[in-house]
Amino acid sequence: MKWFTSDTHFGHEAILNMGYKRAFENIHVHDEVLIETINSYVGPNDILYHLGDFSWPNPKNILARIKCKDVRLIIGNHDRHVHEFKYASDVDMIKIGEQKVFLSHYPHAYWPSSHYGSFHLYGHMHMQRERTLNDMLGVSRRSMDVGVDQADALFGRYRPFSEVEIMLLLNPRTGHDDLQFYRDLENEQTR
C-alpha cells in the first residue's frame, strides 16, 4: 500500500503557533501523536511518500521510530538532512495502479501529463491555499494538498492519505483542462 503525507515538521516548535495552529501542548506531544498516528496507518512493508518538511532537526531518530521502512522523501524547504533517507528527490512521477501521479513539495498549476488526467500531490501550503487554487484552476483540478493539516481538516486527524483515498478523492474530478482539446491536437499531429 502507498501512503502520502507532508509537513509533519517534527521537532519544529514554531509549527504549533503558525496560522493553522496545531492544538498540541508542546512539540514533544505533537511529535509523539504524529509518529503514533503514522504507525497506526502505515505498515512496515508499505511505502510512505513524505512530500517535504519532514523534520527540523536531523530525522534519524524519528525515522527509526516509524514502522514503515520505506519512507521516500520529496524534499521540502525545511529538509536539511536528506542523506538520512534511502530515497530523496525534488519531484517524482509514480503510479497508483495505472494512474500517473506527480509528487512535489510545492503545488503546480500544470505538471507532467496534467492535460492527460494525471494527478498531482503536494504539501507546503498547510491546506491554506486550496480555495485559491480552486478559484484559479477550478474545483475539478486533479491535484491536492496531502499534508497533515489538510488531513486534519478532512478527517479530524493528523494522518497520512492512503492510495485508495487519493483515488476516491481525485478520480471523479475531470481536470482543469479540456482534455478533448489535447486529444484532438494530438490526432491532428499524427495525421
Protein backbone atom coordinates (compact mmCIF):
# COMPACT_ATOMS: atom_id res chain seq x y z
CA MET A 1 0.00 0.00 0.00
CA LYS A 2 1.20 3.50 -0.81
CA TRP A 3 0.64 6.34 1.66
CA PHE A 4 1.12 10.10 1.28
CA THR A 5 1.75 12.87 3.77
CA SER A 6 3.59 16.14 4.12
CA ASP A 7 4.61 18.89 6.51
CA THR A 8 4.92 16.89 9.72
CA HIS A 9 7.60 19.35 10.91
CA PHE A 10 8.85 17.02 13.63
CA GLY A 11 10.79 18.95 16.28
CA HIS A 12 9.79 22.34 14.87
CA GLU A 13 8.38 24.22 17.87
CA ALA A 14 7.19 27.19 15.77
CA ILE A 15 4.73 24.96 13.87
CA LEU A 16 2.44 24.98 16.91
CA ASN A 17 1.82 28.74 16.65
CA MET A 18 1.65 29.40 12.92
CA GLY A 19 -1.59 30.48 11.23
CA TYR A 20 -3.08 26.99 11.13
CA LYS A 21 -2.33 26.36 14.85
CA ARG A 22 -1.87 22.72 15.71
CA ALA A 23 -3.59 22.06 19.03
CA PHE A 24 -0.80 20.36 20.98
CA GLU A 25 0.56 21.45 24.36
CA ASN A 26 4.19 21.21 23.16
CA ILE A 27 6.32 19.87 20.32
CA HIS A 28 7.11 16.63 22.18
CA VAL A 29 3.38 15.75 22.40
CA HIS A 30 2.95 16.81 18.76
CA ASP A 31 5.75 14.53 17.60
CA GLU A 32 4.56 11.57 19.67
CA VAL A 33 1.00 11.84 18.33
CA LEU A 34 2.14 12.13 14.70
CA ILE A 35 4.54 9.17 14.99
CA GLU A 36 1.86 7.06 16.70
CA THR A 37 -0.69 8.02 14.05
CA ILE A 38 1.63 7.20 11.15
CA ASN A 39 2.36 3.82 12.76
CA SER A 40 -1.35 3.10 13.21
CA TYR A 41 -1.97 3.53 9.46
CA VAL A 42 1.24 2.67 7.62
CA GLY A 43 2.59 -0.88 7.85
CA PRO A 44 6.22 -2.00 7.82
CA ASN A 45 6.01 -3.20 4.20
CA ASP A 46 4.10 -0.18 2.88
CA ILE A 47 5.63 2.82 1.12
CA LEU A 48 5.26 6.23 2.74
CA TYR A 49 5.81 9.19 0.41
CA HIS A 50 6.57 12.22 2.55
CA LEU A 51 6.21 15.34 0.39
CA GLY A 52 8.57 17.56 2.32
CA ASP A 53 9.21 19.36 5.59
CA PHE A 54 9.72 16.13 7.49
CA SER A 55 11.63 17.49 10.48
CA TRP A 56 13.50 20.49 11.78
CA PRO A 57 16.38 18.52 13.40
CA ASN A 58 18.14 15.51 11.91
CA PRO A 59 15.37 12.96 11.10
CA LYS A 60 17.38 9.84 12.01
CA ASN A 61 15.73 9.24 15.40
CA ILE A 62 12.23 9.85 14.05
CA LEU A 63 12.76 7.54 11.07
CA ALA A 64 13.92 4.82 13.48
CA ARG A 65 10.58 5.05 15.32
CA ILE A 66 8.41 4.81 12.19
CA LYS A 67 7.42 1.18 11.49
CA CYS A 68 7.45 1.70 7.73
CA LYS A 69 10.98 1.12 6.49
CA ASP A 70 10.38 2.59 3.03
CA VAL A 71 9.94 6.32 3.68
CA ARG A 72 10.59 8.28 0.47
CA LEU A 73 11.21 12.00 0.78
CA ILE A 74 10.22 14.64 -1.73
CA ILE A 75 12.46 17.44 -0.50
CA GLY A 76 10.77 20.45 1.10
CA ASN A 77 12.12 23.86 2.01
CA HIS A 78 12.84 22.79 5.62
CA ASP A 79 14.57 19.48 4.84
CA ARG A 80 18.30 19.67 5.55
CA HIS A 81 19.35 16.08 6.32
CA VAL A 82 18.12 14.34 3.19
CA HIS A 83 21.04 11.86 3.33
CA GLU A 84 19.20 10.05 6.16
CA PHE A 85 16.54 8.85 3.70
CA LYS A 86 17.02 5.86 1.39
CA TYR A 87 15.29 7.91 -1.32
CA ALA A 88 15.11 11.71 -1.63
CA SER A 89 14.25 13.77 -4.70
CA ASP A 90 12.91 17.20 -5.61
CA VAL A 91 9.98 15.69 -7.55
CA ASP A 92 8.84 12.26 -8.66
CA MET A 93 6.35 10.66 -11.02
CA ILE A 94 4.82 7.43 -9.74
CA LYS A 95 1.77 5.31 -10.44
CA ILE A 96 -1.16 4.27 -8.32
CA GLY A 97 -2.35 1.31 -10.34
CA GLU A 98 -2.32 2.74 -13.87
CA GLN A 99 -2.87 6.33 -12.71
CA LYS A 100 0.12 8.67 -13.14
CA VAL A 101 0.81 10.82 -10.07
CA PHE A 102 3.23 13.74 -9.94
CA LEU A 103 4.74 14.41 -6.50
CA SER A 104 6.22 17.74 -5.41
CA HIS A 105 6.53 19.67 -2.18
CA TYR A 106 5.01 22.69 -3.94
CA PRO A 107 1.69 22.99 -5.79
CA HIS A 108 1.88 23.46 -9.55
CA ALA A 109 -0.72 24.92 -11.88
CA TYR A 110 0.44 22.44 -14.55
CA TRP A 111 2.50 19.27 -14.13
CA PRO A 112 3.62 16.38 -16.33
CA SER A 113 0.61 14.93 -18.15
CA SER A 114 -1.84 17.20 -16.30
CA HIS A 115 -3.67 17.78 -19.56
CA TYR A 116 -3.98 13.99 -19.91
CA GLY A 117 -5.54 13.47 -16.50
CA SER A 118 -2.56 12.77 -14.23
CA PHE A 119 -2.83 13.58 -10.54
CA HIS A 120 -0.63 15.99 -8.58
CA LEU A 121 0.01 15.63 -4.84
CA TYR A 122 1.85 18.28 -2.87
CA GLY A 123 2.30 19.84 0.56
CA HIS A 124 3.82 23.14 1.69
CA MET A 125 0.53 25.05 1.84
CA HIS A 126 -0.79 23.63 5.13
CA MET A 127 -4.26 23.49 3.49
CA GLN A 128 -4.39 27.29 3.31
CA ARG A 129 -4.50 27.68 -0.47
CA GLU A 130 -6.95 25.01 -1.60
CA ARG A 131 -9.69 27.62 -2.12
CA THR A 132 -7.26 29.89 -4.02
CA LEU A 133 -6.21 27.01 -6.28
CA ASN A 134 -9.85 26.02 -6.82
CA ASP A 135 -10.69 29.63 -7.78
CA MET A 136 -7.71 29.79 -10.13
CA LEU A 137 -7.85 26.33 -11.70
CA GLY A 138 -11.35 25.11 -10.90
CA VAL A 139 -12.72 22.63 -8.41
CA SER A 140 -12.27 19.85 -10.97
CA ARG A 141 -8.45 20.08 -10.80
CA ARG A 142 -6.81 16.71 -10.20
CA SER A 143 -4.43 17.95 -7.52
CA MET A 144 -4.48 18.23 -3.75
CA ASP A 145 -2.56 19.04 -0.60
CA VAL A 146 -1.75 15.81 1.28
CA GLY A 147 -0.22 17.49 4.32
CA VAL A 148 -1.20 16.58 7.86
CA ASP A 149 -3.11 19.87 8.27
CA GLN A 150 -5.27 19.01 5.25
CA ALA A 151 -5.85 15.52 6.67
CA ASP A 152 -6.92 17.05 9.97
CA ALA A 153 -9.37 19.33 8.15
CA LEU A 154 -10.84 16.43 6.12
CA PHE A 155 -10.65 13.54 8.60
CA GLY A 156 -10.20 15.18 12.02
CA ARG A 157 -6.79 13.60 12.47
CA TYR A 158 -3.19 14.47 11.51
CA ARG A 159 -2.60 11.39 9.39
CA PRO A 160 -1.41 10.14 6.01
CA PHE A 161 -3.66 9.61 2.99
CA SER A 162 -3.88 6.12 1.50
CA GLU A 163 -3.66 5.48 -2.22
CA VAL A 164 -7.30 4.34 -2.09
CA GLU A 165 -8.37 7.68 -0.55
CA ILE A 166 -6.37 9.58 -3.19
CA MET A 167 -8.18 7.68 -5.95
CA LEU A 168 -11.59 8.26 -4.31
CA LEU A 169 -10.90 11.99 -3.89
CA LEU A 170 -9.30 12.76 -7.27
CA ASN A 171 -10.67 10.19 -9.74
CA PRO A 172 -14.12 11.83 -10.00
CA ARG A 173 -12.51 15.15 -10.94
CA THR A 174 -12.22 15.79 -14.66
CA GLY A 175 -9.16 18.04 -14.60
CA HIS A 176 -8.89 21.76 -15.19
CA ASP A 177 -8.06 21.48 -18.88
CA ASP A 178 -10.30 20.48 -21.76
CA LEU A 179 -8.79 17.04 -22.33
CA GLN A 180 -10.58 16.65 -25.65
CA PHE A 181 -8.68 19.69 -27.00
CA TYR A 182 -5.36 17.91 -26.37
CA ARG A 183 -6.62 14.61 -27.80
CA ASP A 184 -7.79 16.38 -30.97
CA LEU A 185 -4.48 18.25 -31.22
CA GLU A 186 -2.55 15.00 -30.88
CA ASN A 187 -4.73 13.31 -33.53
CA GLU A 188 -4.13 16.20 -35.96
CA GLN A 189 -0.36 15.99 -35.44
CA THR A 190 -0.29 12.25 -36.19
CA ARG A 191 -2.18 12.60 -39.48
